[in-house]
Amino acid sequence: MEKVEAVDIRVKNYLKLTGYEKWTRSYATVNRGWTLTSNIAGSINGVHVSARELPIYDFLEEVQLLFAKWNWKYRQQTSYTFTPLIGKFYDILKENEALCTHMTVVPATEYV
């Protein structure tokens, strides 16, 4: 929590206000065996076996780095794919392309 507080005190206050039982399994009031996960959650858990022992802030940093790596890898693969899309999905893609021209991109980390 000290690391969270160092980054943004509002996050620490929000987590405390929400209650530990809502966001941490160790304080959960329900049986942890009932937790359902999706396939993507299972994939992430499988990759982060050693990172699970880290404090929450460091764990989230590891997850963010994994997503950045995956996004870069799959973007590289798809940049060489020229399969045409059917009308409906092509229209959605063009609309999203137009919308994203108004977005501001900020770096997620200072690492290159």
PDB file of N, CA and C in Angstrom:
ATOM      1  N   MET A   1       0.820  -1.196   0.000  1.00  0.00           N
ATOM      2  CA  MET A   1       0.000   0.000   0.000  1.00  0.00           C
ATOM      3  C   MET A   1       0.862   1.257   0.000  1.00  0.00           C
ATOM      4  N   GLU A   2       2.091   1.155   0.548  1.00  0.00           N
ATOM      5  CA  GLU A   2       2.988   2.312   0.524  1.00  0.00           C
ATOM      6  C   GLU A   2       3.341   2.698  -0.905  1.00  0.00           C
ATOM      7  N   LYS A   3       3.564   1.697  -1.764  1.00  0.00           N
ATOM      8  CA  LYS A   3       3.888   1.988  -3.162  1.00  0.00           C
ATOM      9  C   LYS A   3       2.684   2.597  -3.878  1.00  0.00           C
ATOM     10  N   VAL A   4       1.501   2.095  -3.586  1.00  0.00           N
ATOM     11  CA  VAL A   4       0.294   2.657  -4.185  1.00  0.00           C
ATOM     12  C   VAL A   4       0.136   4.109  -3.745  1.00  0.00           C
ATOM     13  N   GLU A   5       0.352   4.352  -2.457  1.00  0.00           N
ATOM     14  CA  GLU A   5       0.231   5.710  -1.927  1.00  0.00           C
ATOM     15  C   GLU A   5       1.255   6.645  -2.560  1.00  0.00           C
ATOM     16  N   ALA A   6       2.462   6.131  -2.822  1.00  0.00           N
ATOM     17  CA  ALA A   6       3.503   6.965  -3.428  1.00  0.00           C
ATOM     18  C   ALA A   6       3.118   7.393  -4.842  1.00  0.00           C
ATOM     19  N   VAL A   7       2.405   6.546  -5.550  1.00  0.00           N
ATOM     20  CA  VAL A   7       1.990   6.876  -6.910  1.00  0.00           C
ATOM     21  C   VAL A   7       0.788   7.812  -6.898  1.00  0.00           C
ATOM     22  N   ASP A   8      -0.241   7.450  -6.121  1.00  0.00           N
ATOM     23  CA  ASP A   8      -1.456   8.283  -6.079  1.00  0.00           C
ATOM     24  C   ASP A   8      -2.241   7.941  -4.822  1.00  0.00           C
ATOM     25  N   ILE A   9      -2.301   8.881  -3.908  1.00  0.00           N
ATOM     26  CA  ILE A   9      -2.997   8.670  -2.635  1.00  0.00           C
ATOM     27  C   ILE A   9      -4.470   8.384  -2.847  1.00  0.00           C
ATOM     28  N   ARG A  10      -5.057   8.884  -3.952  1.00  0.00           N
ATOM     29  CA  ARG A  10      -6.474   8.650  -4.222  1.00  0.00           C
ATOM     30  C   ARG A  10      -6.772   7.176  -4.436  1.00  0.00           C
ATOM     31  N   VAL A  11      -5.824   6.449  -5.052  1.00  0.00           N
ATOM     32  CA  VAL A  11      -6.033   5.020  -5.278  1.00  0.00           C
ATOM     33  C   VAL A  11      -6.052   4.284  -3.945  1.00  0.00           C
ATOM     34  N   LYS A  12      -5.107   4.613  -3.067  1.00  0.00           N
ATOM     35  CA  LYS A  12      -5.080   3.971  -1.750  1.00  0.00           C
ATOM     36  C   LYS A  12      -6.372   4.244  -0.995  1.00  0.00           C
ATOM     37  N   ASN A  13      -6.826   5.484  -1.014  1.00  0.00           N
ATOM     38  CA  ASN A  13      -8.066   5.833  -0.319  1.00  0.00           C
ATOM     39  C   ASN A  13      -9.257   5.094  -0.912  1.00  0.00           C
ATOM     40  N   TYR A  14      -9.282   4.972  -2.237  1.00  0.00           N
ATOM     41  CA  TYR A  14     -10.371   4.265  -2.904  1.00  0.00           C
ATOM     42  C   TYR A  14     -10.388   2.793  -2.504  1.00  0.00           C
ATOM     43  N   LEU A  15      -9.215   2.163  -2.503  1.00  0.00           N
ATOM     44  CA  LEU A  15      -9.145   0.749  -2.138  1.00  0.00           C
ATOM     45  C   LEU A  15      -9.572   0.525  -0.693  1.00  0.00           C
ATOM     46  N   LYS A  16      -9.151   1.408   0.201  1.00  0.00           N
ATOM     47  CA  LYS A  16      -9.558   1.280   1.603  1.00  0.00           C
ATOM     48  C   LYS A  16     -11.068   1.482   1.759  1.00  0.00           C
ATOM     49  N   LEU A  17     -11.603   2.477   1.050  1.00  0.00           N
ATOM     50  CA  LEU A  17     -13.030   2.767   1.125  1.00  0.00           C
ATOM     51  C   LEU A  17     -13.860   1.606   0.569  1.00  0.00           C
ATOM     52  N   THR A  18     -13.378   1.001  -0.494  1.00  0.00           N
ATOM     53  CA  THR A  18     -14.071  -0.127  -1.108  1.00  0.00           C
ATOM     54  C   THR A  18     -14.125  -1.311  -0.169  1.00  0.00           C
ATOM     55  N   GLY A  19     -13.060  -1.524   0.590  1.00  0.00           N
ATOM     56  CA  GLY A  19     -13.000  -2.656   1.523  1.00  0.00           C
ATOM     57  C   GLY A  19     -12.144  -3.768   0.961  1.00  0.00           C
ATOM     58  N   TYR A  20     -11.279  -4.268   1.803  1.00  0.00           N
ATOM     59  CA  TYR A  20     -10.349  -5.309   1.366  1.00  0.00           C
ATOM     60  C   TYR A  20     -11.077  -6.555   0.853  1.00  0.00           C
ATOM     61  N   GLU A  21     -12.232  -6.862   1.418  1.00  0.00           N
ATOM     62  CA  GLU A  21     -12.952  -8.070   1.010  1.00  0.00           C
ATOM     63  C   GLU A  21     -13.445  -7.997  -0.425  1.00  0.00           C
ATOM     64  N   LYS A  22     -13.487  -6.806  -1.022  1.00  0.00           N
ATOM     65  CA  LYS A  22     -13.955  -6.643  -2.397  1.00  0.00           C
ATOM     66  C   LYS A  22     -12.861  -6.874  -3.430  1.00  0.00           C
ATOM     67  N   TRP A  23     -11.604  -6.622  -3.071  1.00  0.00           N
ATOM     68  CA  TRP A  23     -10.559  -6.679  -4.085  1.00  0.00           C
ATOM     69  C   TRP A  23      -9.383  -7.579  -3.750  1.00  0.00           C
ATOM     70  N   THR A  24      -9.377  -8.207  -2.595  1.00  0.00           N
ATOM     71  CA  THR A  24      -8.290  -9.127  -2.282  1.00  0.00           C
ATOM     72  C   THR A  24      -8.860 -10.451  -1.806  1.00  0.00           C
ATOM     73  N   ARG A  25      -8.346 -11.519  -2.315  1.00  0.00           N
ATOM     74  CA  ARG A  25      -8.864 -12.841  -1.978  1.00  0.00           C
ATOM     75  C   ARG A  25      -8.597 -13.224  -0.524  1.00  0.00           C
ATOM     76  N   SER A  26      -7.505 -12.747   0.037  1.00  0.00           N
ATOM     77  CA  SER A  26      -7.167 -13.153   1.400  1.00  0.00           C
ATOM     78  C   SER A  26      -8.193 -12.656   2.418  1.00  0.00           C
ATOM     79  N   TYR A  27      -8.939 -11.595   2.092  1.00  0.00           N
ATOM     80  CA  TYR A  27      -9.966 -11.066   2.988  1.00  0.00           C
ATOM     81  C   TYR A  27     -11.378 -11.387   2.501  1.00  0.00           C
ATOM     82  N   ALA A  28     -11.489 -12.164   1.435  1.00  0.00           N
ATOM     83  CA  ALA A  28     -12.798 -12.440   0.847  1.00  0.00           C
ATOM     84  C   ALA A  28     -13.690 -13.181   1.835  1.00  0.00           C
ATOM     85  N   THR A  29     -14.972 -12.847   1.817  1.00  0.00           N
ATOM     86  CA  THR A  29     -15.925 -13.499   2.718  1.00  0.00           C
ATOM     87  C   THR A  29     -16.570 -14.721   2.076  1.00  0.00           C
ATOM     88  N   VAL A  30     -16.274 -14.986   0.811  1.00  0.00           N
ATOM     89  CA  VAL A  30     -16.830 -16.147   0.114  1.00  0.00           C
ATOM     90  C   VAL A  30     -15.731 -17.162  -0.121  1.00  0.00           C
ATOM     91  N   ASN A  31     -16.155 -18.377  -0.429  1.00  0.00           N
ATOM     92  CA  ASN A  31     -15.208 -19.444  -0.716  1.00  0.00           C
ATOM     93  C   ASN A  31     -14.410 -19.107  -1.969  1.00  0.00           C
ATOM     94  N   ARG A  32     -13.083 -19.095  -1.859  1.00  0.00           N
ATOM     95  CA  ARG A  32     -12.246 -18.736  -3.000  1.00  0.00           C
ATOM     96  C   ARG A  32     -12.353 -19.738  -4.143  1.00  0.00           C
ATOM     97  N   GLY A  33     -12.790 -20.933  -3.858  1.00  0.00           N
ATOM     98  CA  GLY A  33     -12.936 -21.948  -4.893  1.00  0.00           C
ATOM     99  C   GLY A  33     -14.044 -21.637  -5.872  1.00  0.00           C
ATOM    100  N   TRP A  34     -14.923 -20.712  -5.524  1.00  0.00           N
ATOM    101  CA  TRP A  34     -16.032 -20.353  -6.393  1.00  0.00           C
ATOM    102  C   TRP A  34     -15.651 -19.297  -7.410  1.00  0.00           C
ATOM    103  N   THR A  35     -14.440 -18.837  -7.389  1.00  0.00           N
ATOM    104  CA  THR A  35     -14.004 -17.790  -8.305  1.00  0.00           C
ATOM    105  C   THR A  35     -13.912 -18.361  -9.720  1.00  0.00           C
ATOM    106  N   LEU A  36     -14.638 -17.764 -10.639  1.00  0.00           N
ATOM    107  CA  LEU A  36     -14.599 -18.184 -12.034  1.00  0.00           C
ATOM    108  C   LEU A  36     -13.662 -17.277 -12.808  1.00  0.00           C
ATOM    109  N   THR A  37     -12.925 -17.855 -13.710  1.00  0.00           N
ATOM    110  CA  THR A  37     -12.028 -17.061 -14.532  1.00  0.00           C
ATOM    111  C   THR A  37     -12.275 -17.369 -15.996  1.00  0.00           C
ATOM    112  N   SER A  38     -11.894 -16.439 -16.842  1.00  0.00           N
ATOM    113  CA  SER A  38     -12.006 -16.654 -18.280  1.00  0.00           C
ATOM    114  C   SER A  38     -10.713 -17.296 -18.779  1.00  0.00           C
ATOM    115  N   ASN A  39     -10.680 -17.651 -20.031  1.00  0.00           N
ATOM    116  CA  ASN A  39      -9.471 -18.234 -20.607  1.00  0.00           C
ATOM    117  C   ASN A  39      -8.306 -17.257 -20.557  1.00  0.00           C
ATOM    118  N   ILE A  40      -8.566 -15.976 -20.798  1.00  0.00           N
ATOM    119  CA  ILE A  40      -7.489 -14.997 -20.768  1.00  0.00           C
ATOM    120  C   ILE A  40      -6.924 -14.875 -19.363  1.00  0.00           C
ATOM    121  N   ALA A  41      -7.789 -14.933 -18.347  1.00  0.00           N
ATOM    122  CA  ALA A  41      -7.307 -14.883 -16.967  1.00  0.00           C
ATOM    123  C   ALA A  41      -6.439 -16.101 -16.670  1.00  0.00           C
ATOM    124  N   GLY A  42      -6.843 -17.251 -17.168  1.00  0.00           N
ATOM    125  CA  GLY A  42      -6.034 -18.460 -16.988  1.00  0.00           C
ATOM    126  C   GLY A  42      -4.686 -18.337 -17.669  1.00  0.00           C
ATOM    127  N   SER A  43      -4.660 -17.742 -18.847  1.00  0.00           N
ATOM    128  CA  SER A  43      -3.396 -17.542 -19.559  1.00  0.00           C
ATOM    129  C   SER A  43      -2.471 -16.605 -18.793  1.00  0.00           C
ATOM    130  N   ILE A  44      -3.035 -15.528 -18.295  1.00  0.00           N
ATOM    131  CA  ILE A  44      -2.234 -14.565 -17.552  1.00  0.00           C
ATOM    132  C   ILE A  44      -1.708 -15.203 -16.272  1.00  0.00           C
ATOM    133  N   ASN A  45      -2.561 -15.940 -15.575  1.00  0.00           N
ATOM    134  CA  ASN A  45      -2.126 -16.607 -14.355  1.00  0.00           C
ATOM    135  C   ASN A  45      -1.006 -17.601 -14.635  1.00  0.00           C
ATOM    136  N   GLY A  46      -1.112 -18.316 -15.743  1.00  0.00           N
ATOM    137  CA  GLY A  46      -0.079 -19.288 -16.092  1.00  0.00           C
ATOM    138  C   GLY A  46       1.261 -18.635 -16.369  1.00  0.00           C
ATOM    139  N   VAL A  47       1.247 -17.467 -16.969  1.00  0.00           N
ATOM    140  CA  VAL A  47       2.481 -16.761 -17.299  1.00  0.00           C
ATOM    141  C   VAL A  47       3.101 -16.124 -16.061  1.00  0.00           C
ATOM    142  N   HIS A  48       2.267 -15.707 -15.124  1.00  0.00           N
ATOM    143  CA  HIS A  48       2.746 -14.962 -13.960  1.00  0.00           C
ATOM    144  C   HIS A  48       2.852 -15.792 -12.686  1.00  0.00           C
ATOM    145  N   VAL A  49       3.280 -17.025 -12.804  1.00  0.00           N
ATOM    146  CA  VAL A  49       3.390 -17.882 -11.620  1.00  0.00           C
ATOM    147  C   VAL A  49       4.323 -17.257 -10.586  1.00  0.00           C
ATOM    148  N   SER A  50       5.503 -16.826 -10.988  1.00  0.00           N
ATOM    149  CA  SER A  50       6.457 -16.258 -10.031  1.00  0.00           C
ATOM    150  C   SER A  50       6.052 -14.854  -9.584  1.00  0.00           C
ATOM    151  N   ALA A  51       5.359 -14.117 -10.438  1.00  0.00           N
ATOM    152  CA  ALA A  51       4.978 -12.741 -10.096  1.00  0.00           C
ATOM    153  C   ALA A  51       3.885 -12.694  -9.043  1.00  0.00           C
ATOM    154  N   ARG A  52       3.177 -13.793  -8.837  1.00  0.00           N
ATOM    155  CA  ARG A  52       2.099 -13.808  -7.840  1.00  0.00           C
ATOM    156  C   ARG A  52       2.598 -13.544  -6.425  1.00  0.00           C
ATOM    157  N   GLU A  53       3.864 -13.784  -6.198  1.00  0.00           N
ATOM    158  CA  GLU A  53       4.428 -13.566  -4.865  1.00  0.00           C
ATOM    159  C   GLU A  53       4.781 -12.101  -4.622  1.00  0.00           C
ATOM    160  N   LEU A  54       4.714 -11.269  -5.649  1.00  0.00           N
ATOM    161  CA  LEU A  54       5.077  -9.857  -5.522  1.00  0.00           C
ATOM    162  C   LEU A  54       3.968  -9.058  -4.848  1.00  0.00           C
ATOM    163  N   PRO A  55       4.319  -7.911  -4.262  1.00  0.00           N
ATOM    164  CA  PRO A  55       3.278  -7.000  -3.776  1.00  0.00           C
ATOM    165  C   PRO A  55       2.411  -6.548  -4.955  1.00  0.00           C
ATOM    166  N   ILE A  56       1.194  -6.100  -4.680  1.00  0.00           N
ATOM    167  CA  ILE A  56       0.211  -5.804  -5.726  1.00  0.00           C
ATOM    168  C   ILE A  56       0.720  -4.800  -6.747  1.00  0.00           C
ATOM    169  N   TYR A  57       1.395  -3.758  -6.309  1.00  0.00           N
ATOM    170  CA  TYR A  57       1.869  -2.731  -7.244  1.00  0.00           C
ATOM    171  C   TYR A  57       2.885  -3.329  -8.221  1.00  0.00           C
ATOM    172  N   ASP A  58       3.832  -4.116  -7.714  1.00  0.00           N
ATOM    173  CA  ASP A  58       4.832  -4.748  -8.588  1.00  0.00           C
ATOM    174  C   ASP A  58       4.188  -5.781  -9.502  1.00  0.00           C
ATOM    175  N   PHE A  59       3.186  -6.504  -8.981  1.00  0.00           N
ATOM    176  CA  PHE A  59       2.476  -7.472  -9.802  1.00  0.00           C
ATOM    177  C   PHE A  59       1.771  -6.786 -10.970  1.00  0.00           C
ATOM    178  N   LEU A  60       1.090  -5.685 -10.689  1.00  0.00           N
ATOM    179  CA  LEU A  60       0.391  -4.952 -11.753  1.00  0.00           C
ATOM    180  C   LEU A  60       1.370  -4.414 -12.789  1.00  0.00           C
ATOM    181  N   GLU A  61       2.552  -4.015 -12.354  1.00  0.00           N
ATOM    182  CA  GLU A  61       3.585  -3.570 -13.297  1.00  0.00           C
ATOM    183  C   GLU A  61       3.995  -4.721 -14.219  1.00  0.00           C
ATOM    184  N   GLU A  62       4.136  -5.920 -13.657  1.00  0.00           N
ATOM    185  CA  GLU A  62       4.474  -7.094 -14.471  1.00  0.00           C
ATOM    186  C   GLU A  62       3.371  -7.401 -15.480  1.00  0.00           C
ATOM    187  N   VAL A  63       2.126  -7.304 -15.065  1.00  0.00           N
ATOM    188  CA  VAL A  63       0.999  -7.549 -15.975  1.00  0.00           C
ATOM    189  C   VAL A  63       0.994  -6.515 -17.097  1.00  0.00           C
ATOM    190  N   GLN A  64       1.231  -5.254 -16.745  1.00  0.00           N
ATOM    191  CA  GLN A  64       1.261  -4.192 -17.763  1.00  0.00           C
ATOM    192  C   GLN A  64       2.366  -4.458 -18.782  1.00  0.00           C
ATOM    193  N   LEU A  65       3.528  -4.883 -18.315  1.00  0.00           N
ATOM    194  CA  LEU A  65       4.633  -5.191 -19.235  1.00  0.00           C
ATOM    195  C   LEU A  65       4.290  -6.372 -20.133  1.00  0.00           C
ATOM    196  N   LEU A  66       3.600  -7.371 -19.579  1.00  0.00           N
ATOM    197  CA  LEU A  66       3.187  -8.519 -20.388  1.00  0.00           C
ATOM    198  C   LEU A  66       2.227  -8.086 -21.487  1.00  0.00           C
ATOM    199  N   PHE A  67       1.235  -7.259 -21.137  1.00  0.00           N
ATOM    200  CA  PHE A  67       0.283  -6.789 -22.140  1.00  0.00           C
ATOM    201  C   PHE A  67       0.973  -5.964 -23.214  1.00  0.00           C
ATOM    202  N   ALA A  68       1.918  -5.143 -22.822  1.00  0.00           N
ATOM    203  CA  ALA A  68       2.654  -4.343 -23.805  1.00  0.00           C
ATOM    204  C   ALA A  68       3.411  -5.259 -24.760  1.00  0.00           C
ATOM    205  N   LYS A  69       4.046  -6.293 -24.219  1.00  0.00           N
ATOM    206  CA  LYS A  69       4.796  -7.242 -25.050  1.00  0.00           C
ATOM    207  C   LYS A  69       3.854  -7.980 -26.006  1.00  0.00           C
ATOM    208  N   TRP A  70       2.723  -8.457 -25.484  1.00  0.00           N
ATOM    209  CA  TRP A  70       1.755  -9.166 -26.329  1.00  0.00           C
ATOM    210  C   TRP A  70       1.209  -8.253 -27.412  1.00  0.00           C
ATOM    211  N   ASN A  71       0.850  -7.025 -27.054  1.00  0.00           N
ATOM    212  CA  ASN A  71       0.318  -6.100 -28.044  1.00  0.00           C
ATOM    213  C   ASN A  71       1.318  -5.830 -29.155  1.00  0.00           C
ATOM    214  N   TRP A  72       2.578  -5.631 -28.794  1.00  0.00           N
ATOM    215  CA  TRP A  72       3.606  -5.392 -29.802  1.00  0.00           C
ATOM    216  C   TRP A  72       3.759  -6.611 -30.711  1.00  0.00           C
ATOM    217  N   LYS A  73       3.827  -7.789 -30.109  1.00  0.00           N
ATOM    218  CA  LYS A  73       4.021  -9.023 -30.883  1.00  0.00           C
ATOM    219  C   LYS A  73       2.881  -9.229 -31.885  1.00  0.00           C
ATOM    220  N   TYR A  74       1.632  -9.120 -31.408  1.00  0.00           N
ATOM    221  CA  TYR A  74       0.502  -9.384 -32.291  1.00  0.00           C
ATOM    222  C   TYR A  74       0.269  -8.251 -33.283  1.00  0.00           C
ATOM    223  N   ARG A  75       0.662  -7.041 -32.924  1.00  0.00           N
ATOM    224  CA  ARG A  75       0.569  -5.949 -33.888  1.00  0.00           C
ATOM    225  C   ARG A  75       1.563  -6.179 -35.027  1.00  0.00           C
ATOM    226  N   GLN A  76       2.756  -6.669 -34.690  1.00  0.00           N
ATOM    227  CA  GLN A  76       3.742  -6.976 -35.731  1.00  0.00           C
ATOM    228  C   GLN A  76       3.203  -8.042 -36.678  1.00  0.00           C
ATOM    229  N   GLN A  77       2.577  -9.066 -36.118  1.00  0.00           N
ATOM    230  CA  GLN A  77       2.039 -10.141 -36.955  1.00  0.00           C
ATOM    231  C   GLN A  77       0.913  -9.622 -37.861  1.00  0.00           C
ATOM    232  N   THR A  78       0.020  -8.826 -37.299  1.00  0.00           N
ATOM    233  CA  THR A  78      -1.128  -8.376 -38.083  1.00  0.00           C
ATOM    234  C   THR A  78      -0.777  -7.286 -39.077  1.00  0.00           C
ATOM    235  N   SER A  79       0.342  -6.615 -38.881  1.00  0.00           N
ATOM    236  CA  SER A  79       0.698  -5.563 -39.832  1.00  0.00           C
ATOM    237  C   SER A  79       1.066  -6.144 -41.198  1.00  0.00           C
ATOM    238  N   TYR A  80       1.335  -7.439 -41.252  1.00  0.00           N
ATOM    239  CA  TYR A  80       1.654  -8.095 -42.522  1.00  0.00           C
ATOM    240  C   TYR A  80       0.497  -8.958 -43.026  1.00  0.00           C
ATOM    241  N   THR A  81      -0.684  -8.781 -42.447  1.00  0.00           N
ATOM    242  CA  THR A  81      -1.861  -9.540 -42.850  1.00  0.00           C
ATOM    243  C   THR A  81      -2.754  -8.642 -43.695  1.00  0.00           C
ATOM    244  N   PHE A  82      -3.110  -9.103 -44.861  1.00  0.00           N
ATOM    245  CA  PHE A  82      -3.902  -8.293 -45.781  1.00  0.00           C
ATOM    246  C   PHE A  82      -5.191  -9.001 -46.192  1.00  0.00           C
ATOM    247  N   THR A  83      -5.805  -9.723 -45.263  1.00  0.00           N
ATOM    248  CA  THR A  83      -7.055 -10.405 -45.533  1.00  0.00           C
ATOM    249  C   THR A  83      -8.196  -9.389 -45.486  1.00  0.00           C
ATOM    250  N   PRO A  84      -9.012  -9.313 -46.524  1.00  0.00           N
ATOM    251  CA  PRO A  84     -10.117  -8.342 -46.499  1.00  0.00           C
ATOM    252  C   PRO A  84     -11.192  -8.758 -45.499  1.00  0.00           C
ATOM    253  N   LEU A  85     -11.832  -7.759 -44.889  1.00  0.00           N
ATOM    254  CA  LEU A  85     -12.914  -8.005 -43.950  1.00  0.00           C
ATOM    255  C   LEU A  85     -14.241  -7.886 -44.671  1.00  0.00           C
ATOM    256  N   ILE A  86     -15.262  -8.568 -44.135  1.00  0.00           N
ATOM    257  CA  ILE A  86     -16.599  -8.419 -44.713  1.00  0.00           C
ATOM    258  C   ILE A  86     -17.138  -7.049 -44.333  1.00  0.00           C
ATOM    259  N   GLY A  87     -18.126  -6.576 -45.040  1.00  0.00           N
ATOM    260  CA  GLY A  87     -18.651  -5.221 -44.929  1.00  0.00           C
ATOM    261  C   GLY A  87     -18.882  -4.695 -43.534  1.00  0.00           C
ATOM    262  N   LYS A  88     -19.616  -5.430 -42.717  1.00  0.00           N
ATOM    263  CA  LYS A  88     -19.980  -4.965 -41.382  1.00  0.00           C
ATOM    264  C   LYS A  88     -18.724  -4.670 -40.547  1.00  0.00           C
ATOM    265  N   PHE A  89     -17.789  -5.589 -40.531  1.00  0.00           N
ATOM    266  CA  PHE A  89     -16.594  -5.433 -39.706  1.00  0.00           C
ATOM    267  C   PHE A  89     -15.631  -4.395 -40.289  1.00  0.00           C
ATOM    268  N   TYR A  90     -15.619  -4.272 -41.605  1.00  0.00           N
ATOM    269  CA  TYR A  90     -14.809  -3.233 -42.226  1.00  0.00           C
ATOM    270  C   TYR A  90     -15.336  -1.852 -41.836  1.00  0.00           C
ATOM    271  N   ASP A  91     -16.658  -1.705 -41.795  1.00  0.00           N
ATOM    272  CA  ASP A  91     -17.268  -0.431 -41.388  1.00  0.00           C
ATOM    273  C   ASP A  91     -16.928  -0.090 -39.940  1.00  0.00           C
ATOM    274  N   ILE A  92     -16.986  -1.087 -39.067  1.00  0.00           N
ATOM    275  CA  ILE A  92     -16.634  -0.872 -37.661  1.00  0.00           C
ATOM    276  C   ILE A  92     -15.172  -0.452 -37.543  1.00  0.00           C
ATOM    277  N   LEU A  93     -14.306  -1.111 -38.286  1.00  0.00           N
ATOM    278  CA  LEU A  93     -12.882  -0.788 -38.259  1.00  0.00           C
ATOM    279  C   LEU A  93     -12.626   0.633 -38.753  1.00  0.00           C
ATOM    280  N   LYS A  94     -13.290   1.032 -39.821  1.00  0.00           N
ATOM    281  CA  LYS A  94     -13.117   2.391 -40.345  1.00  0.00           C
ATOM    282  C   LYS A  94     -13.629   3.439 -39.358  1.00  0.00           C
ATOM    283  N   GLU A  95     -14.748   3.143 -38.697  1.00  0.00           N
ATOM    284  CA  GLU A  95     -15.290   4.075 -37.697  1.00  0.00           C
ATOM    285  C   GLU A  95     -14.319   4.227 -36.527  1.00  0.00           C
ATOM    286  N   ASN A  96     -13.775   3.113 -36.061  1.00  0.00           N
ATOM    287  CA  ASN A  96     -12.802   3.170 -34.966  1.00  0.00           C
ATOM    288  C   ASN A  96     -11.534   3.914 -35.377  1.00  0.00           C
ATOM    289  N   GLU A  97     -11.130   3.740 -36.629  1.00  0.00           N
ATOM    290  CA  GLU A  97      -9.954   4.449 -37.132  1.00  0.00           C
ATOM    291  C   GLU A  97     -10.203   5.958 -37.110  1.00  0.00           C
ATOM    292  N   ALA A  98     -11.390   6.364 -37.522  1.00  0.00           N
ATOM    293  CA  ALA A  98     -11.728   7.787 -37.514  1.00  0.00           C
ATOM    294  C   ALA A  98     -11.772   8.326 -36.084  1.00  0.00           C
ATOM    295  N   LEU A  99     -12.342   7.571 -35.166  1.00  0.00           N
ATOM    296  CA  LEU A  99     -12.434   8.006 -33.776  1.00  0.00           C
ATOM    297  C   LEU A  99     -11.051   8.107 -33.118  1.00  0.00           C
ATOM    298  N   CYS A 100     -10.164   7.194 -33.450  1.00  0.00           N
ATOM    299  CA  CYS A 100      -8.860   7.178 -32.780  1.00  0.00           C
ATOM    300  C   CYS A 100      -7.956   8.325 -33.224  1.00  0.00           C
ATOM    301  N   THR A 101      -8.286   9.000 -34.306  1.00  0.00           N
ATOM    302  CA  THR A 101      -7.463  10.133 -34.730  1.00  0.00           C
ATOM    303  C   THR A 101      -7.599  11.313 -33.779  1.00  0.00           C
ATOM    304  N   HIS A 102      -8.625  11.289 -32.924  1.00  0.00           N
ATOM    305  CA  HIS A 102      -8.845  12.367 -31.963  1.00  0.00           C
ATOM    306  C   HIS A 102      -8.345  12.018 -30.571  1.00  0.00           C
ATOM    307  N   MET A 103      -7.706  10.862 -30.414  1.00  0.00           N
ATOM    308  CA  MET A 103      -7.218  10.427 -29.106  1.00  0.00           C
ATOM    309  C   MET A 103      -5.795  10.911 -28.879  1.00  0.00           C
ATOM    310  N   THR A 104      -5.470  11.095 -27.618  1.00  0.00           N
ATOM    311  CA  THR A 104      -4.117  11.481 -27.246  1.00  0.00           C
ATOM    312  C   THR A 104      -3.400  10.256 -26.697  1.00  0.00           C
ATOM    313  N   VAL A 105      -2.227   9.997 -27.185  1.00  0.00           N
ATOM    314  CA  VAL A 105      -1.443   8.847 -26.737  1.00  0.00           C
ATOM    315  C   VAL A 105      -0.434   9.330 -25.715  1.00  0.00           C
ATOM    316  N   VAL A 106      -0.403   8.646 -24.568  1.00  0.00           N
ATOM    317  CA  VAL A 106       0.574   8.973 -23.539  1.00  0.00           C
ATOM    318  C   VAL A 106       1.363   7.701 -23.233  1.00  0.00           C
ATOM    319  N   PRO A 107       2.640   7.843 -22.910  1.00  0.00           N
ATOM    320  CA  PRO A 107       3.437   6.648 -22.631  1.00  0.00           C
ATOM    321  C   PRO A 107       2.983   5.979 -21.340  1.00  0.00           C
ATOM    322  N   ALA A 108       2.966   4.661 -21.348  1.00  0.00           N
ATOM    323  CA  ALA A 108       2.595   3.909 -20.153  1.00  0.00           C
ATOM    324  C   ALA A 108       3.783   3.749 -19.214  1.00  0.00           C
ATOM    325  N   THR A 109       4.977   3.876 -19.759  1.00  0.00           N
ATOM    326  CA  THR A 109       6.192   3.713 -18.961  1.00  0.00           C
ATOM    327  C   THR A 109       7.318   4.472 -19.631  1.00  0.00           C
ATOM    328  N   GLU A 110       8.369   4.743 -18.887  1.00  0.00           N
ATOM    329  CA  GLU A 110       9.490   5.446 -19.486  1.00  0.00           C
ATOM    330  C   GLU A 110      10.485   4.504 -20.159  1.00  0.00           C
ATOM    331  N   TYR A 111      10.254   3.193 -20.022  1.00  0.00           N
ATOM    332  CA  TYR A 111      11.143   2.215 -20.649  1.00  0.00           C
ATOM    333  C   TYR A 111      10.954   2.206 -22.159  1.00  0.00           C
ATOM    334  N   VAL A 112      12.038   2.020 -22.871  1.00  0.00           N
ATOM    335  CA  VAL A 112      11.953   1.922 -24.328  1.00  0.00           C
ATOM    336  C   VAL A 112      12.160   0.482 -24.714  1.00  0.00           C
TER     337      VAL A 112
END
